[in-house]
Amino acid sequence: MPYLRALCLLLGLTACLPIYAHDTIPVNWCTNPGTEPVIVEKFDFDEAALLKLQDDFGLHLHGRGSDADKCGIVDKWLLANSIAQHYCNAIVPKHLSPVPYITGPEIFLDENHHKTYSLSDGLVGSCFVCPATGK
C-alpha cells in the first residue's frame, strides 16, 4: 500500500506540473475502476548501465520521425526514456504493457531537460504494470 500512495502522489504531481516534464505515461493507462498500478521492478542506472542498455537494445539518436517525442526533439532525455521503456519491456512480458515511471534525477524532470539532461546523470524509476480488474 505505501507504493500505491506514493504512485498516486507522483501521478498527481505530474498532472499538476506538465510544464516541467512530458507526460510519459499513456493518458488512458490504468484508469479502469478497481485497477491499481503495481511496481514490478525498480531501477537506478548509472551512465555505464545506460550506455550498455542503449547498446543492448540497439538504440541510437536519430533525426525526426518515429523516434521523435512530442516536441520533435531527439536527444539524451528521449534516449533515456526509450532505454527505460525497452528495459521494462525486456523484464516484463510485453502483453502486460509495462510502463516506466521516472523519478530522478531532478535534472531529468527539470523544465530544461532537453538542454541539460545527460546520460551521465543516470536514471531512477520503476517499471509498472496495470493488472486486469478482478471480478
N, C-alpha and C. Protein backbone atom coordinates (compact mmCIF):
# COMPACT_ATOMS: atom_id res chain seq x y z
N MET A 1 0.80 -1.22 0.00
CA MET A 1 0.00 0.00 0.00
C MET A 1 0.84 1.28 0.00
N PRO A 2 2.01 1.31 0.69
CA PRO A 2 2.79 2.55 0.64
C PRO A 2 3.21 2.90 -0.79
N TYR A 3 3.46 1.85 -1.61
CA TYR A 3 3.84 2.10 -3.00
C TYR A 3 2.69 2.73 -3.77
N LEU A 4 1.48 2.27 -3.50
CA LEU A 4 0.31 2.81 -4.19
C LEU A 4 0.12 4.28 -3.83
N ARG A 5 0.25 4.59 -2.57
CA ARG A 5 0.11 6.00 -2.16
C ARG A 5 1.17 6.87 -2.82
N ALA A 6 2.41 6.35 -2.85
CA ALA A 6 3.49 7.10 -3.48
C ALA A 6 3.22 7.29 -4.97
N LEU A 7 2.74 6.24 -5.63
CA LEU A 7 2.43 6.35 -7.05
C LEU A 7 1.33 7.37 -7.30
N CYS A 8 0.27 7.31 -6.50
CA CYS A 8 -0.83 8.27 -6.66
C CYS A 8 -0.34 9.69 -6.47
N LEU A 9 0.51 9.89 -5.48
CA LEU A 9 1.07 11.22 -5.24
C LEU A 9 1.90 11.66 -6.45
N LEU A 10 2.76 10.76 -6.93
CA LEU A 10 3.61 11.11 -8.07
C LEU A 10 2.79 11.38 -9.32
N LEU A 11 1.77 10.55 -9.56
CA LEU A 11 0.92 10.77 -10.73
C LEU A 11 0.17 12.09 -10.60
N GLY A 12 -0.28 12.40 -9.41
CA GLY A 12 -0.96 13.67 -9.18
C GLY A 12 -0.05 14.85 -9.41
N LEU A 13 1.19 14.73 -8.95
CA LEU A 13 2.15 15.81 -9.14
C LEU A 13 2.47 16.01 -10.61
N THR A 14 2.61 14.92 -11.36
CA THR A 14 2.92 15.08 -12.78
C THR A 14 1.76 15.73 -13.52
N ALA A 15 0.56 15.48 -13.07
CA ALA A 15 -0.60 16.12 -13.71
C ALA A 15 -0.61 17.61 -13.42
N CYS A 16 -0.11 17.99 -12.27
CA CYS A 16 -0.11 19.40 -11.87
C CYS A 16 1.07 20.16 -12.43
N LEU A 17 2.11 19.47 -12.85
CA LEU A 17 3.32 20.14 -13.29
C LEU A 17 3.70 19.80 -14.73
N PRO A 18 2.80 19.90 -15.67
CA PRO A 18 3.11 19.48 -17.03
C PRO A 18 4.20 20.30 -17.70
N ILE A 19 4.45 21.51 -17.23
CA ILE A 19 5.48 22.33 -17.85
C ILE A 19 6.88 21.78 -17.58
N TYR A 20 7.05 21.06 -16.49
CA TYR A 20 8.38 20.62 -16.11
C TYR A 20 8.83 19.36 -16.82
N ALA A 21 7.95 18.52 -17.24
CA ALA A 21 8.34 17.31 -17.95
C ALA A 21 7.18 16.84 -18.81
N HIS A 22 7.52 16.02 -19.78
CA HIS A 22 6.50 15.46 -20.66
C HIS A 22 5.72 14.39 -19.94
N ASP A 23 4.51 14.18 -20.40
CA ASP A 23 3.73 13.06 -19.92
C ASP A 23 4.28 11.82 -20.59
N THR A 24 4.92 10.96 -19.83
CA THR A 24 5.47 9.75 -20.42
C THR A 24 4.59 8.54 -20.13
N ILE A 25 3.57 8.71 -19.32
CA ILE A 25 2.62 7.65 -19.03
C ILE A 25 1.42 7.85 -19.95
N PRO A 26 1.02 6.79 -20.68
CA PRO A 26 -0.13 6.95 -21.58
C PRO A 26 -1.35 7.51 -20.86
N VAL A 27 -2.09 8.38 -21.52
CA VAL A 27 -3.21 9.09 -20.93
C VAL A 27 -4.25 8.16 -20.31
N ASN A 28 -4.64 7.13 -21.01
CA ASN A 28 -5.70 6.24 -20.53
C ASN A 28 -5.16 4.97 -19.87
N TRP A 29 -3.93 5.01 -19.41
CA TRP A 29 -3.32 3.83 -18.82
C TRP A 29 -3.80 3.64 -17.38
N CYS A 30 -4.30 2.48 -17.08
CA CYS A 30 -4.68 2.06 -15.73
C CYS A 30 -5.72 2.98 -15.10
N THR A 31 -6.75 3.33 -15.87
CA THR A 31 -7.79 4.23 -15.36
C THR A 31 -9.10 3.51 -15.06
N ASN A 32 -9.17 2.22 -15.35
CA ASN A 32 -10.41 1.48 -15.08
C ASN A 32 -10.64 1.34 -13.58
N PRO A 33 -11.89 1.44 -13.15
CA PRO A 33 -12.19 1.26 -11.72
C PRO A 33 -11.69 -0.10 -11.23
N GLY A 34 -11.12 -0.11 -10.07
CA GLY A 34 -10.65 -1.35 -9.47
C GLY A 34 -9.25 -1.77 -9.89
N THR A 35 -8.60 -0.96 -10.71
CA THR A 35 -7.23 -1.29 -11.10
C THR A 35 -6.26 -0.35 -10.39
N GLU A 36 -5.14 -0.91 -10.00
CA GLU A 36 -4.09 -0.13 -9.36
C GLU A 36 -2.76 -0.54 -9.96
N PRO A 37 -1.92 0.41 -10.35
CA PRO A 37 -0.60 0.07 -10.89
C PRO A 37 0.21 -0.70 -9.85
N VAL A 38 1.01 -1.62 -10.34
CA VAL A 38 1.85 -2.44 -9.47
C VAL A 38 3.30 -2.30 -9.92
N ILE A 39 4.19 -2.05 -8.97
CA ILE A 39 5.62 -1.97 -9.29
C ILE A 39 6.13 -3.39 -9.51
N VAL A 40 6.77 -3.59 -10.66
CA VAL A 40 7.35 -4.89 -10.97
C VAL A 40 8.85 -4.87 -10.71
N GLU A 41 9.47 -3.75 -10.97
CA GLU A 41 10.93 -3.63 -10.84
C GLU A 41 11.30 -2.17 -10.64
N LYS A 42 12.24 -1.93 -9.76
CA LYS A 42 12.81 -0.59 -9.60
C LYS A 42 14.16 -0.58 -10.29
N PHE A 43 14.54 0.57 -10.81
CA PHE A 43 15.86 0.67 -11.43
C PHE A 43 16.55 1.96 -11.01
N ASP A 44 17.87 1.89 -11.01
CA ASP A 44 18.73 3.03 -10.68
C ASP A 44 19.99 2.86 -11.53
N PHE A 45 19.93 3.39 -12.75
CA PHE A 45 21.01 3.20 -13.71
C PHE A 45 22.03 4.33 -13.64
N ASP A 46 23.31 3.97 -13.65
CA ASP A 46 24.34 4.98 -13.82
C ASP A 46 24.65 5.08 -15.32
N GLU A 47 25.58 5.93 -15.67
CA GLU A 47 25.87 6.15 -17.10
C GLU A 47 26.32 4.85 -17.78
N ALA A 48 27.18 4.07 -17.13
CA ALA A 48 27.68 2.84 -17.73
C ALA A 48 26.52 1.88 -18.03
N ALA A 49 25.59 1.76 -17.10
CA ALA A 49 24.43 0.87 -17.31
C ALA A 49 23.56 1.38 -18.45
N LEU A 50 23.34 2.69 -18.51
CA LEU A 50 22.53 3.26 -19.60
C LEU A 50 23.18 3.04 -20.95
N LEU A 51 24.49 3.21 -21.03
CA LEU A 51 25.20 3.01 -22.29
C LEU A 51 25.16 1.54 -22.71
N LYS A 52 25.28 0.63 -21.74
CA LYS A 52 25.20 -0.80 -22.06
C LYS A 52 23.80 -1.15 -22.55
N LEU A 53 22.78 -0.66 -21.85
CA LEU A 53 21.40 -0.92 -22.29
C LEU A 53 21.14 -0.31 -23.66
N GLN A 54 21.66 0.88 -23.90
CA GLN A 54 21.49 1.52 -25.21
C GLN A 54 22.07 0.61 -26.29
N ASP A 55 23.24 0.08 -26.03
CA ASP A 55 23.88 -0.82 -26.99
C ASP A 55 23.11 -2.13 -27.12
N ASP A 56 22.72 -2.71 -25.98
CA ASP A 56 21.97 -3.98 -25.98
C ASP A 56 20.68 -3.87 -26.78
N PHE A 57 20.00 -2.73 -26.64
CA PHE A 57 18.71 -2.55 -27.32
C PHE A 57 18.86 -1.95 -28.72
N GLY A 58 20.09 -1.60 -29.11
CA GLY A 58 20.32 -1.03 -30.43
C GLY A 58 19.69 0.33 -30.62
N LEU A 59 19.67 1.13 -29.56
CA LEU A 59 19.05 2.46 -29.62
C LEU A 59 20.10 3.51 -29.96
N HIS A 60 19.73 4.40 -30.85
CA HIS A 60 20.65 5.46 -31.26
C HIS A 60 19.85 6.74 -31.46
N LEU A 61 20.55 7.85 -31.38
CA LEU A 61 19.90 9.13 -31.64
C LEU A 61 19.73 9.27 -33.14
N HIS A 62 18.54 9.59 -33.57
CA HIS A 62 18.22 9.79 -34.98
C HIS A 62 17.60 11.17 -35.14
N GLY A 63 17.30 11.51 -36.34
CA GLY A 63 16.60 12.77 -36.60
C GLY A 63 15.13 12.64 -36.26
N ARG A 64 14.34 13.50 -36.83
CA ARG A 64 12.91 13.48 -36.59
C ARG A 64 12.29 12.23 -37.19
N GLY A 65 11.13 11.90 -36.71
CA GLY A 65 10.44 10.73 -37.23
C GLY A 65 9.88 9.90 -36.10
N SER A 66 9.89 8.58 -36.29
CA SER A 66 9.25 7.71 -35.30
C SER A 66 9.94 7.78 -33.94
N ASP A 67 11.22 8.16 -33.91
CA ASP A 67 11.93 8.26 -32.64
C ASP A 67 11.71 9.60 -31.96
N ALA A 68 11.10 10.54 -32.63
CA ALA A 68 10.93 11.88 -32.07
C ALA A 68 9.80 11.91 -31.05
N ASP A 69 9.99 12.69 -30.00
CA ASP A 69 8.93 12.81 -29.00
C ASP A 69 7.94 13.88 -29.41
N LYS A 70 7.06 14.26 -28.50
CA LYS A 70 6.00 15.22 -28.81
C LYS A 70 6.55 16.57 -29.25
N CYS A 71 7.77 16.90 -28.83
CA CYS A 71 8.36 18.17 -29.22
C CYS A 71 9.10 18.07 -30.54
N GLY A 72 9.23 16.86 -31.07
CA GLY A 72 10.01 16.69 -32.28
C GLY A 72 11.50 16.71 -32.00
N ILE A 73 11.87 16.54 -30.74
CA ILE A 73 13.26 16.61 -30.33
C ILE A 73 13.76 15.20 -30.04
N VAL A 74 14.92 14.87 -30.57
CA VAL A 74 15.55 13.59 -30.26
C VAL A 74 16.86 13.94 -29.57
N ASP A 75 16.97 13.60 -28.30
CA ASP A 75 18.13 13.98 -27.52
C ASP A 75 18.38 12.93 -26.44
N LYS A 76 19.29 13.21 -25.53
CA LYS A 76 19.64 12.26 -24.47
C LYS A 76 18.45 12.01 -23.54
N TRP A 77 17.59 13.01 -23.35
CA TRP A 77 16.42 12.82 -22.50
C TRP A 77 15.49 11.78 -23.12
N LEU A 78 15.21 11.93 -24.40
CA LEU A 78 14.34 10.97 -25.09
C LEU A 78 15.01 9.60 -25.17
N LEU A 79 16.31 9.57 -25.38
CA LEU A 79 17.04 8.31 -25.41
C LEU A 79 16.91 7.59 -24.07
N ALA A 80 17.07 8.30 -22.97
CA ALA A 80 16.93 7.70 -21.64
C ALA A 80 15.52 7.17 -21.43
N ASN A 81 14.52 7.91 -21.87
CA ASN A 81 13.13 7.45 -21.80
C ASN A 81 12.95 6.16 -22.58
N SER A 82 13.52 6.12 -23.77
CA SER A 82 13.41 4.95 -24.61
C SER A 82 14.13 3.75 -23.98
N ILE A 83 15.28 3.98 -23.38
CA ILE A 83 16.00 2.91 -22.69
C ILE A 83 15.13 2.35 -21.57
N ALA A 84 14.51 3.23 -20.79
CA ALA A 84 13.65 2.78 -19.69
C ALA A 84 12.48 1.94 -20.22
N GLN A 85 11.84 2.38 -21.31
CA GLN A 85 10.73 1.62 -21.88
C GLN A 85 11.19 0.25 -22.38
N HIS A 86 12.31 0.23 -23.09
CA HIS A 86 12.84 -1.04 -23.58
C HIS A 86 13.23 -1.96 -22.42
N TYR A 87 13.80 -1.38 -21.37
CA TYR A 87 14.17 -2.18 -20.21
C TYR A 87 12.93 -2.82 -19.58
N CYS A 88 11.90 -2.02 -19.37
CA CYS A 88 10.67 -2.56 -18.78
C CYS A 88 10.06 -3.63 -19.68
N ASN A 89 10.09 -3.42 -21.00
CA ASN A 89 9.57 -4.42 -21.93
C ASN A 89 10.40 -5.70 -21.89
N ALA A 90 11.69 -5.57 -21.57
CA ALA A 90 12.57 -6.74 -21.54
C ALA A 90 12.36 -7.60 -20.29
N ILE A 91 11.97 -6.98 -19.19
CA ILE A 91 11.84 -7.74 -17.94
C ILE A 91 10.41 -8.14 -17.62
N VAL A 92 9.45 -7.53 -18.33
CA VAL A 92 8.04 -7.81 -18.09
C VAL A 92 7.44 -8.27 -19.42
N PRO A 93 6.63 -9.33 -19.43
CA PRO A 93 6.00 -9.71 -20.69
C PRO A 93 5.29 -8.53 -21.33
N LYS A 94 5.58 -8.30 -22.60
CA LYS A 94 5.07 -7.11 -23.30
C LYS A 94 3.55 -7.03 -23.29
N HIS A 95 2.85 -8.19 -23.28
CA HIS A 95 1.39 -8.15 -23.29
C HIS A 95 0.82 -7.52 -22.02
N LEU A 96 1.66 -7.37 -20.98
CA LEU A 96 1.22 -6.69 -19.76
C LEU A 96 1.37 -5.17 -19.87
N SER A 97 1.89 -4.71 -21.00
CA SER A 97 2.06 -3.27 -21.27
C SER A 97 2.77 -2.54 -20.13
N PRO A 98 4.01 -2.91 -19.83
CA PRO A 98 4.73 -2.23 -18.75
C PRO A 98 4.98 -0.76 -19.09
N VAL A 99 4.96 0.05 -18.07
CA VAL A 99 5.18 1.49 -18.22
C VAL A 99 6.28 1.92 -17.25
N PRO A 100 7.33 2.57 -17.77
CA PRO A 100 8.34 3.10 -16.85
C PRO A 100 7.87 4.42 -16.26
N TYR A 101 8.17 4.62 -15.00
CA TYR A 101 7.88 5.90 -14.35
C TYR A 101 9.19 6.40 -13.78
N ILE A 102 9.68 7.51 -14.33
CA ILE A 102 10.98 8.06 -13.95
C ILE A 102 10.81 9.02 -12.79
N THR A 103 11.61 8.84 -11.76
CA THR A 103 11.54 9.69 -10.58
C THR A 103 12.80 10.52 -10.36
N GLY A 104 13.81 10.29 -11.14
CA GLY A 104 15.03 11.07 -10.97
C GLY A 104 16.05 10.70 -12.04
N PRO A 105 17.07 11.50 -12.10
CA PRO A 105 17.44 12.59 -11.21
C PRO A 105 16.60 13.85 -11.49
N GLU A 106 16.72 14.80 -10.63
CA GLU A 106 15.95 16.03 -10.74
C GLU A 106 16.14 16.71 -12.09
N ILE A 107 17.36 16.67 -12.61
CA ILE A 107 17.66 17.32 -13.89
C ILE A 107 16.85 16.68 -15.03
N PHE A 108 16.52 15.40 -14.91
CA PHE A 108 15.69 14.72 -15.90
C PHE A 108 14.27 15.28 -15.90
N LEU A 109 13.81 15.70 -14.73
CA LEU A 109 12.45 16.20 -14.55
C LEU A 109 12.34 17.72 -14.70
N ASP A 110 13.46 18.39 -14.81
CA ASP A 110 13.53 19.84 -14.88
C ASP A 110 12.92 20.38 -16.17
N GLU A 111 12.45 21.61 -16.15
CA GLU A 111 11.83 22.21 -17.33
C GLU A 111 12.81 22.35 -18.50
N ASN A 112 14.10 22.37 -18.25
CA ASN A 112 15.10 22.48 -19.31
C ASN A 112 15.75 21.13 -19.62
N HIS A 113 15.02 20.05 -19.39
CA HIS A 113 15.59 18.72 -19.50
C HIS A 113 16.19 18.42 -20.87
N HIS A 114 15.64 18.96 -21.94
CA HIS A 114 16.19 18.68 -23.27
C HIS A 114 17.57 19.29 -23.44
N LYS A 115 17.85 20.36 -22.75
CA LYS A 115 19.15 21.02 -22.85
C LYS A 115 20.14 20.51 -21.82
N THR A 116 19.65 20.13 -20.65
CA THR A 116 20.56 19.88 -19.54
C THR A 116 20.79 18.41 -19.19
N TYR A 117 19.84 17.53 -19.51
CA TYR A 117 20.00 16.14 -19.11
C TYR A 117 21.06 15.44 -19.97
N SER A 118 21.84 14.61 -19.31
CA SER A 118 22.84 13.78 -19.97
C SER A 118 22.78 12.39 -19.37
N LEU A 119 23.15 11.39 -20.13
CA LEU A 119 23.16 10.03 -19.60
C LEU A 119 24.08 9.91 -18.39
N SER A 120 25.06 10.78 -18.29
CA SER A 120 25.97 10.75 -17.14
C SER A 120 25.24 11.10 -15.84
N ASP A 121 24.03 11.67 -15.96
CA ASP A 121 23.22 11.99 -14.77
C ASP A 121 22.53 10.75 -14.20
N GLY A 122 22.49 9.66 -14.98
CA GLY A 122 21.83 8.45 -14.52
C GLY A 122 20.33 8.51 -14.73
N LEU A 123 19.63 7.48 -14.24
CA LEU A 123 18.18 7.41 -14.39
C LEU A 123 17.62 6.52 -13.29
N VAL A 124 16.60 7.02 -12.60
CA VAL A 124 15.99 6.29 -11.49
C VAL A 124 14.49 6.21 -11.73
N GLY A 125 13.93 5.05 -11.49
CA GLY A 125 12.49 4.90 -11.66
C GLY A 125 12.04 3.49 -11.38
N SER A 126 10.85 3.17 -11.88
CA SER A 126 10.25 1.86 -11.68
C SER A 126 9.49 1.45 -12.93
N CYS A 127 9.35 0.14 -13.09
CA CYS A 127 8.51 -0.42 -14.14
C CYS A 127 7.19 -0.82 -13.49
N PHE A 128 6.09 -0.33 -14.03
CA PHE A 128 4.76 -0.62 -13.51
C PHE A 128 3.97 -1.43 -14.53
N VAL A 129 3.05 -2.22 -14.02
CA VAL A 129 2.04 -2.86 -14.87
C VAL A 129 0.69 -2.56 -14.24
N CYS A 130 -0.32 -2.67 -15.06
CA CYS A 130 -1.68 -2.46 -14.59
C CYS A 130 -2.42 -3.79 -14.75
N PRO A 131 -2.56 -4.53 -13.65
CA PRO A 131 -3.20 -5.84 -13.75
C PRO A 131 -4.68 -5.71 -14.14
N ALA A 132 -5.19 -6.79 -14.73
CA ALA A 132 -6.59 -6.82 -15.14
C ALA A 132 -7.48 -6.69 -13.91
N THR A 133 -8.62 -6.08 -14.09
CA THR A 133 -9.58 -5.91 -13.00
C THR A 133 -10.11 -7.26 -12.57
N GLY A 134 -10.05 -7.51 -11.25
CA GLY A 134 -10.60 -8.76 -10.72
C GLY A 134 -12.10 -8.67 -10.59
N LYS A 135 -12.80 -9.79 -10.70
CA LYS A 135 -14.26 -9.77 -10.58
C LYS A 135 -14.70 -10.41 -9.31
